[in-house]
Amino acid sequence: MSLNLSMLFIISGCALVTFIPRVIPFIVIRNIKLPAIVIKWLSFIPICIFTALIVDSFIIQDESLLSIDWRVLIAIIPTLIIALFTRSLSITVIVGIVSMAAVRFVF
């Protein structure tokens, strides 16, 4: 596969379009004092994202029937325990990946 100039511009443009919305809010918010209620509300966002990812992963819809993917639920348990005790996102993500890999290897 060769990389020509137009492909390099497309990749650079995609990187820029992805980078700008992720960095600009941090630059703008850095110098603004947010009210305490906003800070409290923002503290719940990681929990909401984590919950949405978990529920989306282990609930399966077959035609009109909902069921639980037990393999995913087995991997969620150690991940949730580590998340509650360490409160570290990076350690939680690593434990989740290793747990899911182990469950897929065994089952």
PDB file of N, CA and C in Angstrom:
ATOM      1  N   MET A   1       0.846  -1.179   0.000  1.00  0.00           N
ATOM      2  CA  MET A   1       0.000   0.000   0.000  1.00  0.00           C
ATOM      3  C   MET A   1       0.885   1.234   0.000  1.00  0.00           C
ATOM      4  N   SER A   2       0.626   2.106  -0.919  1.00  0.00           N
ATOM      5  CA  SER A   2       1.417   3.329  -0.997  1.00  0.00           C
ATOM      6  C   SER A   2       0.628   4.490  -0.385  1.00  0.00           C
ATOM      7  N   LEU A   3       1.346   5.466   0.103  1.00  0.00           N
ATOM      8  CA  LEU A   3       0.736   6.636   0.722  1.00  0.00           C
ATOM      9  C   LEU A   3       1.010   7.835  -0.166  1.00  0.00           C
ATOM     10  N   ASN A   4      -0.029   8.327  -0.827  1.00  0.00           N
ATOM     11  CA  ASN A   4       0.160   9.497  -1.654  1.00  0.00           C
ATOM     12  C   ASN A   4      -0.247  10.752  -0.868  1.00  0.00           C
ATOM     13  N   LEU A   5      -0.040  11.906  -1.455  1.00  0.00           N
ATOM     14  CA  LEU A   5      -0.262  13.175  -0.770  1.00  0.00           C
ATOM     15  C   LEU A   5      -1.727  13.388  -0.395  1.00  0.00           C
ATOM     16  N   SER A   6      -2.648  13.022  -1.263  1.00  0.00           N
ATOM     17  CA  SER A   6      -4.065  13.228  -0.945  1.00  0.00           C
ATOM     18  C   SER A   6      -4.487  12.342   0.230  1.00  0.00           C
ATOM     19  N   MET A   7      -3.988  11.122   0.315  1.00  0.00           N
ATOM     20  CA  MET A   7      -4.304  10.253   1.438  1.00  0.00           C
ATOM     21  C   MET A   7      -3.733  10.824   2.733  1.00  0.00           C
ATOM     22  N   LEU A   8      -2.536  11.398   2.679  1.00  0.00           N
ATOM     23  CA  LEU A   8      -1.939  12.015   3.847  1.00  0.00           C
ATOM     24  C   LEU A   8      -2.773  13.209   4.319  1.00  0.00           C
ATOM     25  N   PHE A   9      -3.305  14.019   3.383  1.00  0.00           N
ATOM     26  CA  PHE A   9      -4.170  15.143   3.746  1.00  0.00           C
ATOM     27  C   PHE A   9      -5.481  14.655   4.366  1.00  0.00           C
ATOM     28  N   ILE A  10      -6.035  13.585   3.839  1.00  0.00           N
ATOM     29  CA  ILE A  10      -7.278  13.044   4.386  1.00  0.00           C
ATOM     30  C   ILE A  10      -7.061  12.546   5.816  1.00  0.00           C
ATOM     31  N   ILE A  11      -5.994  11.818   6.039  1.00  0.00           N
ATOM     32  CA  ILE A  11      -5.692  11.320   7.379  1.00  0.00           C
ATOM     33  C   ILE A  11      -5.429  12.472   8.342  1.00  0.00           C
ATOM     34  N   SER A  12      -4.680  13.469   7.907  1.00  0.00           N
ATOM     35  CA  SER A  12      -4.402  14.636   8.753  1.00  0.00           C
ATOM     36  C   SER A  12      -5.684  15.407   9.064  1.00  0.00           C
ATOM     37  N   GLY A  13      -6.553  15.564   8.074  1.00  0.00           N
ATOM     38  CA  GLY A  13      -7.821  16.254   8.297  1.00  0.00           C
ATOM     39  C   GLY A  13      -8.711  15.507   9.272  1.00  0.00           C
ATOM     40  N   CYS A  14      -8.774  14.199   9.135  1.00  0.00           N
ATOM     41  CA  CYS A  14      -9.572  13.397  10.069  1.00  0.00           C
ATOM     42  C   CYS A  14      -9.016  13.496  11.487  1.00  0.00           C
ATOM     43  N   ALA A  15      -7.698  13.490  11.617  1.00  0.00           N
ATOM     44  CA  ALA A  15      -7.081  13.624  12.937  1.00  0.00           C
ATOM     45  C   ALA A  15      -7.401  14.988  13.540  1.00  0.00           C
ATOM     46  N   LEU A  16      -7.354  16.022  12.729  1.00  0.00           N
ATOM     47  CA  LEU A  16      -7.654  17.379  13.203  1.00  0.00           C
ATOM     48  C   LEU A  16      -9.113  17.510  13.625  1.00  0.00           C
ATOM     49  N   VAL A  17     -10.019  16.983  12.817  1.00  0.00           N
ATOM     50  CA  VAL A  17     -11.449  17.055  13.129  1.00  0.00           C
ATOM     51  C   VAL A  17     -11.767  16.255  14.392  1.00  0.00           C
ATOM     52  N   THR A  18     -11.051  15.192  14.644  1.00  0.00           N
ATOM     53  CA  THR A  18     -11.253  14.409  15.855  1.00  0.00           C
ATOM     54  C   THR A  18     -10.622  15.093  17.067  1.00  0.00           C
ATOM     55  N   PHE A  19      -9.481  15.711  16.872  1.00  0.00           N
ATOM     56  CA  PHE A  19      -8.725  16.319  17.966  1.00  0.00           C
ATOM     57  C   PHE A  19      -9.379  17.596  18.494  1.00  0.00           C
ATOM     58  N   ILE A  20      -9.890  18.440  17.609  1.00  0.00           N
ATOM     59  CA  ILE A  20     -10.432  19.753  18.001  1.00  0.00           C
ATOM     60  C   ILE A  20     -11.585  19.637  18.999  1.00  0.00           C
ATOM     61  N   PRO A  21     -12.628  18.834  18.758  1.00  0.00           N
ATOM     62  CA  PRO A  21     -13.710  18.796  19.746  1.00  0.00           C
ATOM     63  C   PRO A  21     -13.310  18.179  21.086  1.00  0.00           C
ATOM     64  N   ARG A  22     -12.220  17.459  21.109  1.00  0.00           N
ATOM     65  CA  ARG A  22     -11.789  16.857  22.372  1.00  0.00           C
ATOM     66  C   ARG A  22     -10.907  17.794  23.183  1.00  0.00           C
ATOM     67  N   VAL A  23     -10.222  18.722  22.530  1.00  0.00           N
ATOM     68  CA  VAL A  23      -9.277  19.593  23.224  1.00  0.00           C
ATOM     69  C   VAL A  23      -9.893  20.953  23.555  1.00  0.00           C
ATOM     70  N   ILE A  24     -10.666  21.532  22.665  1.00  0.00           N
ATOM     71  CA  ILE A  24     -11.223  22.875  22.864  1.00  0.00           C
ATOM     72  C   ILE A  24     -12.018  22.989  24.169  1.00  0.00           C
ATOM     73  N   PRO A  25     -12.891  22.036  24.528  1.00  0.00           N
ATOM     74  CA  PRO A  25     -13.604  22.191  25.807  1.00  0.00           C
ATOM     75  C   PRO A  25     -12.667  22.286  27.011  1.00  0.00           C
ATOM     76  N   PHE A  26     -11.578  21.542  27.011  1.00  0.00           N
ATOM     77  CA  PHE A  26     -10.638  21.615  28.126  1.00  0.00           C
ATOM     78  C   PHE A  26      -9.931  22.964  28.167  1.00  0.00           C
ATOM     79  N   ILE A  27      -9.606  23.512  27.009  1.00  0.00           N
ATOM     80  CA  ILE A  27      -8.957  24.818  26.952  1.00  0.00           C
ATOM     81  C   ILE A  27      -9.907  25.911  27.435  1.00  0.00           C
ATOM     82  N   VAL A  28     -11.163  25.842  27.033  1.00  0.00           N
ATOM     83  CA  VAL A  28     -12.143  26.860  27.414  1.00  0.00           C
ATOM     84  C   VAL A  28     -12.475  26.764  28.901  1.00  0.00           C
ATOM     85  N   ILE A  29     -12.677  25.574  29.420  1.00  0.00           N
ATOM     86  CA  ILE A  29     -13.095  25.372  30.806  1.00  0.00           C
ATOM     87  C   ILE A  29     -11.957  25.628  31.796  1.00  0.00           C
ATOM     88  N   ARG A  30     -10.733  25.504  31.351  1.00  0.00           N
ATOM     89  CA  ARG A  30      -9.589  25.626  32.250  1.00  0.00           C
ATOM     90  C   ARG A  30      -9.584  26.956  33.014  1.00  0.00           C
ATOM     91  N   ASN A  31      -9.990  28.039  32.361  1.00  0.00           N
ATOM     92  CA  ASN A  31      -9.939  29.360  32.975  1.00  0.00           C
ATOM     93  C   ASN A  31     -11.269  29.818  33.553  1.00  0.00           C
ATOM     94  N   ILE A  32     -12.273  28.970  33.553  1.00  0.00           N
ATOM     95  CA  ILE A  32     -13.595  29.333  34.048  1.00  0.00           C
ATOM     96  C   ILE A  32     -13.859  28.606  35.361  1.00  0.00           C
ATOM     97  N   LYS A  33     -14.373  29.345  36.340  1.00  0.00           N
ATOM     98  CA  LYS A  33     -14.775  28.747  37.619  1.00  0.00           C
ATOM     99  C   LYS A  33     -16.210  28.268  37.482  1.00  0.00           C
ATOM    100  N   LEU A  34     -16.409  26.950  37.516  1.00  0.00           N
ATOM    101  CA  LEU A  34     -17.739  26.371  37.372  1.00  0.00           C
ATOM    102  C   LEU A  34     -18.451  26.341  38.717  1.00  0.00           C
ATOM    103  N   PRO A  35     -19.774  26.505  38.715  1.00  0.00           N
ATOM    104  CA  PRO A  35     -20.527  26.393  39.971  1.00  0.00           C
ATOM    105  C   PRO A  35     -20.441  24.976  40.544  1.00  0.00           C
ATOM    106  N   ALA A  36     -20.630  24.880  41.845  1.00  0.00           N
ATOM    107  CA  ALA A  36     -20.514  23.585  42.528  1.00  0.00           C
ATOM    108  C   ALA A  36     -21.521  22.571  41.995  1.00  0.00           C
ATOM    109  N   ILE A  37     -22.717  23.017  41.641  1.00  0.00           N
ATOM    110  CA  ILE A  37     -23.737  22.096  41.123  1.00  0.00           C
ATOM    111  C   ILE A  37     -23.309  21.490  39.789  1.00  0.00           C
ATOM    112  N   VAL A  38     -22.625  22.273  38.967  1.00  0.00           N
ATOM    113  CA  VAL A  38     -22.136  21.767  37.674  1.00  0.00           C
ATOM    114  C   VAL A  38     -21.023  20.755  37.899  1.00  0.00           C
ATOM    115  N   ILE A  39     -20.134  21.046  38.824  1.00  0.00           N
ATOM    116  CA  ILE A  39     -19.053  20.104  39.149  1.00  0.00           C
ATOM    117  C   ILE A  39     -19.635  18.789  39.659  1.00  0.00           C
ATOM    118  N   LYS A  40     -20.637  18.877  40.532  1.00  0.00           N
ATOM    119  CA  LYS A  40     -21.275  17.654  41.053  1.00  0.00           C
ATOM    120  C   LYS A  40     -21.934  16.877  39.925  1.00  0.00           C
ATOM    121  N   TRP A  41     -22.633  17.572  39.018  1.00  0.00           N
ATOM    122  CA  TRP A  41     -23.296  16.916  37.893  1.00  0.00           C
ATOM    123  C   TRP A  41     -22.269  16.247  36.977  1.00  0.00           C
ATOM    124  N   LEU A  42     -21.157  16.925  36.717  1.00  0.00           N
ATOM    125  CA  LEU A  42     -20.121  16.351  35.856  1.00  0.00           C
ATOM    126  C   LEU A  42     -19.461  15.126  36.487  1.00  0.00           C
ATOM    127  N   SER A  43     -19.476  15.035  37.802  1.00  0.00           N
ATOM    128  CA  SER A  43     -18.857  13.882  38.454  1.00  0.00           C
ATOM    129  C   SER A  43     -19.628  12.589  38.195  1.00  0.00           C
ATOM    130  N   PHE A  44     -20.899  12.684  37.795  1.00  0.00           N
ATOM    131  CA  PHE A  44     -21.698  11.495  37.520  1.00  0.00           C
ATOM    132  C   PHE A  44     -21.536  10.979  36.089  1.00  0.00           C
ATOM    133  N   ILE A  45     -20.931  11.745  35.214  1.00  0.00           N
ATOM    134  CA  ILE A  45     -20.829  11.357  33.806  1.00  0.00           C
ATOM    135  C   ILE A  45     -20.036  10.062  33.616  1.00  0.00           C
ATOM    136  N   PRO A  46     -18.872   9.861  34.246  1.00  0.00           N
ATOM    137  CA  PRO A  46     -18.183   8.576  34.062  1.00  0.00           C
ATOM    138  C   PRO A  46     -19.023   7.379  34.500  1.00  0.00           C
ATOM    139  N   ILE A  47     -19.798   7.536  35.572  1.00  0.00           N
ATOM    140  CA  ILE A  47     -20.645   6.446  36.036  1.00  0.00           C
ATOM    141  C   ILE A  47     -21.708   6.125  34.986  1.00  0.00           C
ATOM    142  N   CYS A  48     -22.284   7.168  34.394  1.00  0.00           N
ATOM    143  CA  CYS A  48     -23.319   6.958  33.376  1.00  0.00           C
ATOM    144  C   CYS A  48     -22.750   6.266  32.140  1.00  0.00           C
ATOM    145  N   ILE A  49     -21.573   6.683  31.724  1.00  0.00           N
ATOM    146  CA  ILE A  49     -20.951   6.066  30.546  1.00  0.00           C
ATOM    147  C   ILE A  49     -20.616   4.611  30.830  1.00  0.00           C
ATOM    148  N   PHE A  50     -20.053   4.342  32.011  1.00  0.00           N
ATOM    149  CA  PHE A  50     -19.706   2.976  32.394  1.00  0.00           C
ATOM    150  C   PHE A  50     -20.947   2.092  32.433  1.00  0.00           C
ATOM    151  N   THR A  51     -22.031   2.604  33.013  1.00  0.00           N
ATOM    152  CA  THR A  51     -23.275   1.847  33.088  1.00  0.00           C
ATOM    153  C   THR A  51     -23.841   1.569  31.703  1.00  0.00           C
ATOM    154  N   ALA A  52     -23.823   2.565  30.828  1.00  0.00           N
ATOM    155  CA  ALA A  52     -24.341   2.367  29.472  1.00  0.00           C
ATOM    156  C   ALA A  52     -23.530   1.318  28.717  1.00  0.00           C
ATOM    157  N   LEU A  53     -22.220   1.332  28.866  1.00  0.00           N
ATOM    158  CA  LEU A  53     -21.384   0.341  28.194  1.00  0.00           C
ATOM    159  C   LEU A  53     -21.641  -1.066  28.733  1.00  0.00           C
ATOM    160  N   ILE A  54     -21.806  -1.170  30.050  1.00  0.00           N
ATOM    161  CA  ILE A  54     -22.051  -2.484  30.647  1.00  0.00           C
ATOM    162  C   ILE A  54     -23.396  -3.044  30.209  1.00  0.00           C
ATOM    163  N   VAL A  55     -24.437  -2.244  30.327  1.00  0.00           N
ATOM    164  CA  VAL A  55     -25.773  -2.728  29.985  1.00  0.00           C
ATOM    165  C   VAL A  55     -25.842  -3.104  28.512  1.00  0.00           C
ATOM    166  N   ASP A  56     -25.210  -2.311  27.676  1.00  0.00           N
ATOM    167  CA  ASP A  56     -25.208  -2.613  26.245  1.00  0.00           C
ATOM    168  C   ASP A  56     -24.463  -3.912  25.948  1.00  0.00           C
ATOM    169  N   SER A  57     -23.480  -4.240  26.772  1.00  0.00           N
ATOM    170  CA  SER A  57     -22.676  -5.434  26.523  1.00  0.00           C
ATOM    171  C   SER A  57     -23.349  -6.730  26.944  1.00  0.00           C
ATOM    172  N   PHE A  58     -24.010  -6.730  28.094  1.00  0.00           N
ATOM    173  CA  PHE A  58     -24.466  -8.038  28.583  1.00  0.00           C
ATOM    174  C   PHE A  58     -25.955  -8.312  28.396  1.00  0.00           C
ATOM    175  N   ILE A  59     -26.712  -7.376  27.877  1.00  0.00           N
ATOM    176  CA  ILE A  59     -28.117  -7.667  27.559  1.00  0.00           C
ATOM    177  C   ILE A  59     -28.221  -7.908  26.063  1.00  0.00           C
ATOM    178  N   ILE A  60     -28.740  -9.064  25.702  1.00  0.00           N
ATOM    179  CA  ILE A  60     -28.862  -9.470  24.302  1.00  0.00           C
ATOM    180  C   ILE A  60     -30.338  -9.520  23.941  1.00  0.00           C
ATOM    181  N   GLN A  61     -30.677  -8.986  22.785  1.00  0.00           N
ATOM    182  CA  GLN A  61     -32.064  -9.053  22.323  1.00  0.00           C
ATOM    183  C   GLN A  61     -32.143 -10.028  21.161  1.00  0.00           C
ATOM    184  N   ASP A  62     -32.825 -11.145  21.386  1.00  0.00           N
ATOM    185  CA  ASP A  62     -33.076 -12.145  20.352  1.00  0.00           C
ATOM    186  C   ASP A  62     -34.537 -12.041  19.959  1.00  0.00           C
ATOM    187  N   GLU A  63     -34.768 -11.541  18.762  1.00  0.00           N
ATOM    188  CA  GLU A  63     -36.115 -11.292  18.262  1.00  0.00           C
ATOM    189  C   GLU A  63     -36.870 -10.428  19.275  1.00  0.00           C
ATOM    190  N   SER A  64     -37.802 -10.978  20.039  1.00  0.00           N
ATOM    191  CA  SER A  64     -38.530 -10.165  21.016  1.00  0.00           C
ATOM    192  C   SER A  64     -38.178 -10.548  22.450  1.00  0.00           C
ATOM    193  N   LEU A  65     -37.127 -11.347  22.631  1.00  0.00           N
ATOM    194  CA  LEU A  65     -36.751 -11.859  23.945  1.00  0.00           C
ATOM    195  C   LEU A  65     -35.442 -11.227  24.394  1.00  0.00           C
ATOM    196  N   LEU A  66     -35.400 -10.775  25.634  1.00  0.00           N
ATOM    197  CA  LEU A  66     -34.160 -10.253  26.203  1.00  0.00           C
ATOM    198  C   LEU A  66     -33.495 -11.330  27.038  1.00  0.00           C
ATOM    199  N   SER A  67     -32.189 -11.455  26.895  1.00  0.00           N
ATOM    200  CA  SER A  67     -31.452 -12.423  27.700  1.00  0.00           C
ATOM    201  C   SER A  67     -30.113 -11.817  28.113  1.00  0.00           C
ATOM    202  N   ILE A  68     -29.415 -12.500  29.012  1.00  0.00           N
ATOM    203  CA  ILE A  68     -28.141 -12.018  29.542  1.00  0.00           C
ATOM    204  C   ILE A  68     -27.009 -12.856  28.964  1.00  0.00           C
ATOM    205  N   ASP A  69     -25.960 -12.188  28.524  1.00  0.00           N
ATOM    206  CA  ASP A  69     -24.754 -12.876  28.080  1.00  0.00           C
ATOM    207  C   ASP A  69     -23.912 -13.156  29.318  1.00  0.00           C
ATOM    208  N   TRP A  70     -23.945 -14.398  29.784  1.00  0.00           N
ATOM    209  CA  TRP A  70     -23.296 -14.761  31.037  1.00  0.00           C
ATOM    210  C   TRP A  70     -21.783 -14.626  30.974  1.00  0.00           C
ATOM    211  N   ARG A  71     -21.204 -14.786  29.797  1.00  0.00           N
ATOM    212  CA  ARG A  71     -19.754 -14.613  29.668  1.00  0.00           C
ATOM    213  C   ARG A  71     -19.350 -13.186  30.004  1.00  0.00           C
ATOM    214  N   VAL A  72     -20.108 -12.243  29.486  1.00  0.00           N
ATOM    215  CA  VAL A  72     -19.805 -10.831  29.760  1.00  0.00           C
ATOM    216  C   VAL A  72     -20.041 -10.519  31.231  1.00  0.00           C
ATOM    217  N   LEU A  73     -21.095 -11.072  31.797  1.00  0.00           N
ATOM    218  CA  LEU A  73     -21.393 -10.830  33.207  1.00  0.00           C
ATOM    219  C   LEU A  73     -20.283 -11.370  34.105  1.00  0.00           C
ATOM    220  N   ILE A  74     -19.699 -12.502  33.735  1.00  0.00           N
ATOM    221  CA  ILE A  74     -18.576 -13.067  34.498  1.00  0.00           C
ATOM    222  C   ILE A  74     -17.371 -12.127  34.440  1.00  0.00           C
ATOM    223  N   ALA A  75     -17.142 -11.483  33.317  1.00  0.00           N
ATOM    224  CA  ALA A  75     -16.017 -10.550  33.186  1.00  0.00           C
ATOM    225  C   ALA A  75     -16.304  -9.226  33.889  1.00  0.00           C
ATOM    226  N   ILE A  76     -17.561  -8.845  34.004  1.00  0.00           N
ATOM    227  CA  ILE A  76     -17.921  -7.582  34.641  1.00  0.00           C
ATOM    228  C   ILE A  76     -17.667  -7.628  36.150  1.00  0.00           C
ATOM    229  N   ILE A  77     -17.867  -8.757  36.775  1.00  0.00           N
ATOM    230  CA  ILE A  77     -17.776  -8.852  38.233  1.00  0.00           C
ATOM    231  C   ILE A  77     -16.390  -8.444  38.763  1.00  0.00           C
ATOM    232  N   PRO A  78     -15.275  -9.019  38.287  1.00  0.00           N
ATOM    233  CA  PRO A  78     -13.978  -8.557  38.807  1.00  0.00           C
ATOM    234  C   PRO A  78     -13.668  -7.108  38.406  1.00  0.00           C
ATOM    235  N   THR A  79     -14.152  -6.703  37.252  1.00  0.00           N
ATOM    236  CA  THR A  79     -13.921  -5.329  36.810  1.00  0.00           C
ATOM    237  C   THR A  79     -14.624  -4.348  37.737  1.00  0.00           C
ATOM    238  N   LEU A  80     -15.846  -4.646  38.087  1.00  0.00           N
ATOM    239  CA  LEU A  80     -16.604  -3.778  38.990  1.00  0.00           C
ATOM    240  C   LEU A  80     -15.974  -3.734  40.382  1.00  0.00           C
ATOM    241  N   ILE A  81     -15.508  -4.868  40.866  1.00  0.00           N
ATOM    242  CA  ILE A  81     -14.860  -4.901  42.185  1.00  0.00           C
ATOM    243  C   ILE A  81     -13.602  -4.036  42.188  1.00  0.00           C
ATOM    244  N   ILE A  82     -12.786  -4.168  41.154  1.00  0.00           N
ATOM    245  CA  ILE A  82     -11.568  -3.356  41.048  1.00  0.00           C
ATOM    246  C   ILE A  82     -11.916  -1.881  40.919  1.00  0.00           C
ATOM    247  N   ALA A  83     -12.952  -1.562  40.157  1.00  0.00           N
ATOM    248  CA  ALA A  83     -13.357  -0.161  39.989  1.00  0.00           C
ATOM    249  C   ALA A  83     -13.790   0.441  41.320  1.00  0.00           C
ATOM    250  N   LEU A  84     -14.521  -0.329  42.131  1.00  0.00           N
ATOM    251  CA  LEU A  84     -14.982   0.191  43.417  1.00  0.00           C
ATOM    252  C   LEU A  84     -13.845   0.382  44.411  1.00  0.00           C
ATOM    253  N   PHE A  85     -12.873  -0.528  44.407  1.00  0.00           N
ATOM    254  CA  PHE A  85     -11.791  -0.431  45.378  1.00  0.00           C
ATOM    255  C   PHE A  85     -10.684   0.526  44.966  1.00  0.00           C
ATOM    256  N   THR A  86     -10.313   0.558  43.691  1.00  0.00           N
ATOM    257  CA  THR A  86      -9.184   1.391  43.277  1.00  0.00           C
ATOM    258  C   THR A  86      -9.599   2.782  42.820  1.00  0.00           C
ATOM    259  N   ARG A  87     -10.793   2.899  42.256  1.00  0.00           N
ATOM    260  CA  ARG A  87     -11.278   4.158  41.666  1.00  0.00           C
ATOM    261  C   ARG A  87     -10.295   4.695  40.621  1.00  0.00           C
ATOM    262  N   SER A  88      -9.621   3.778  39.957  1.00  0.00           N
ATOM    263  CA  SER A  88      -8.661   4.134  38.912  1.00  0.00           C
ATOM    264  C   SER A  88      -9.199   3.653  37.579  1.00  0.00           C
ATOM    265  N   LEU A  89      -9.371   4.582  36.652  1.00  0.00           N
ATOM    266  CA  LEU A  89      -9.911   4.226  35.349  1.00  0.00           C
ATOM    267  C   LEU A  89      -8.969   3.314  34.582  1.00  0.00           C
ATOM    268  N   SER A  90      -7.679   3.603  34.615  1.00  0.00           N
ATOM    269  CA  SER A  90      -6.739   2.794  33.832  1.00  0.00           C
ATOM    270  C   SER A  90      -6.650   1.360  34.364  1.00  0.00           C
ATOM    271  N   ILE A  91      -6.603   1.194  35.671  1.00  0.00           N
ATOM    272  CA  ILE A  91      -6.551  -0.158  36.239  1.00  0.00           C
ATOM    273  C   ILE A  91      -7.848  -0.898  35.955  1.00  0.00           C
ATOM    274  N   THR A  92      -8.978  -0.191  36.048  1.00  0.00           N
ATOM    275  CA  THR A  92     -10.271  -0.813  35.768  1.00  0.00           C
ATOM    276  C   THR A  92     -10.355  -1.285  34.329  1.00  0.00           C
ATOM    277  N   VAL A  93      -9.895  -0.465  33.407  1.00  0.00           N
ATOM    278  CA  VAL A  93      -9.924  -0.836  31.987  1.00  0.00           C
ATOM    279  C   VAL A  93      -9.022  -2.040  31.740  1.00  0.00           C
ATOM    280  N   ILE A  94      -7.848  -2.048  32.329  1.00  0.00           N
ATOM    281  CA  ILE A  94      -6.924  -3.178  32.142  1.00  0.00           C
ATOM    282  C   ILE A  94      -7.522  -4.465  32.703  1.00  0.00           C
ATOM    283  N   VAL A  95      -8.100  -4.391  33.896  1.00  0.00           N
ATOM    284  CA  VAL A  95      -8.716  -5.581  34.494  1.00  0.00           C
ATOM    285  C   VAL A  95      -9.895  -6.051  33.640  1.00  0.00           C
ATOM    286  N   GLY A  96     -10.678  -5.119  33.115  1.00  0.00           N
ATOM    287  CA  GLY A  96     -11.800  -5.487  32.258  1.00  0.00           C
ATOM    288  C   GLY A  96     -11.361  -6.191  30.988  1.00  0.00           C
ATOM    289  N   ILE A  97     -10.312  -5.673  30.371  1.00  0.00           N
ATOM    290  CA  ILE A  97      -9.804  -6.289  29.141  1.00  0.00           C
ATOM    291  C   ILE A  97      -9.249  -7.685  29.425  1.00  0.00           C
ATOM    292  N   VAL A  98      -8.472  -7.797  30.501  1.00  0.00           N
ATOM    293  CA  VAL A  98      -7.897  -9.106  30.853  1.00  0.00           C
ATOM    294  C   VAL A  98      -9.007 -10.087  31.236  1.00  0.00           C
ATOM    295  N   SER A  99     -10.006  -9.625  31.985  1.00  0.00           N
ATOM    296  CA  SER A  99     -11.113 -10.503  32.383  1.00  0.00           C
ATOM    297  C   SER A  99     -11.879 -11.005  31.156  1.00  0.00           C
ATOM    298  N   MET A 100     -12.187 -10.105  30.237  1.00  0.00           N
ATOM    299  CA  MET A 100     -12.931 -10.514  29.051  1.00  0.00           C
ATOM    300  C   MET A 100     -12.098 -11.457  28.182  1.00  0.00           C
ATOM    301  N   ALA A 101     -10.800 -11.196  28.077  1.00  0.00           N
ATOM    302  CA  ALA A 101      -9.933 -12.084  27.312  1.00  0.00           C
ATOM    303  C   ALA A 101      -9.882 -13.465  27.955  1.00  0.00           C
ATOM    304  N   ALA A 102      -9.798 -13.513  29.276  1.00  0.00           N
ATOM    305  CA  ALA A 102      -9.763 -14.809  29.969  1.00  0.00           C
ATOM    306  C   ALA A 102     -11.080 -15.564  29.797  1.00  0.00           C
ATOM    307  N   VAL A 103     -12.186 -14.856  29.894  1.00  0.00           N
ATOM    308  CA  VAL A 103     -13.487 -15.509  29.725  1.00  0.00           C
ATOM    309  C   VAL A 103     -13.637 -16.039  28.309  1.00  0.00           C
ATOM    310  N   ARG A 104     -13.228 -15.272  27.325  1.00  0.00           N
ATOM    311  CA  ARG A 104     -13.312 -15.748  25.928  1.00  0.00           C
ATOM    312  C   ARG A 104     -12.374 -16.907  25.674  1.00  0.00           C
ATOM    313  N   PHE A 105     -11.231 -16.928  26.350  1.00  0.00           N
ATOM    314  CA  PHE A 105     -10.291 -18.030  26.187  1.00  0.00           C
ATOM    315  C   PHE A 105     -10.851 -19.318  26.798  1.00  0.00           C
ATOM    316  N   VAL A 106     -11.481 -19.202  27.968  1.00  0.00           N
ATOM    317  CA  VAL A 106     -12.012 -20.365  28.668  1.00  0.00           C
ATOM    318  C   VAL A 106     -13.293 -20.871  28.038  1.00  0.00           C
ATOM    319  N   PHE A 107     -14.221 -19.962  27.704  1.00  0.00           N
ATOM    320  CA  PHE A 107     -15.509 -20.361  27.158  1.00  0.00           C
ATOM    321  C   PHE A 107     -15.478 -20.217  25.673  1.00  0.00           C
TER     322      PHE A 107
END
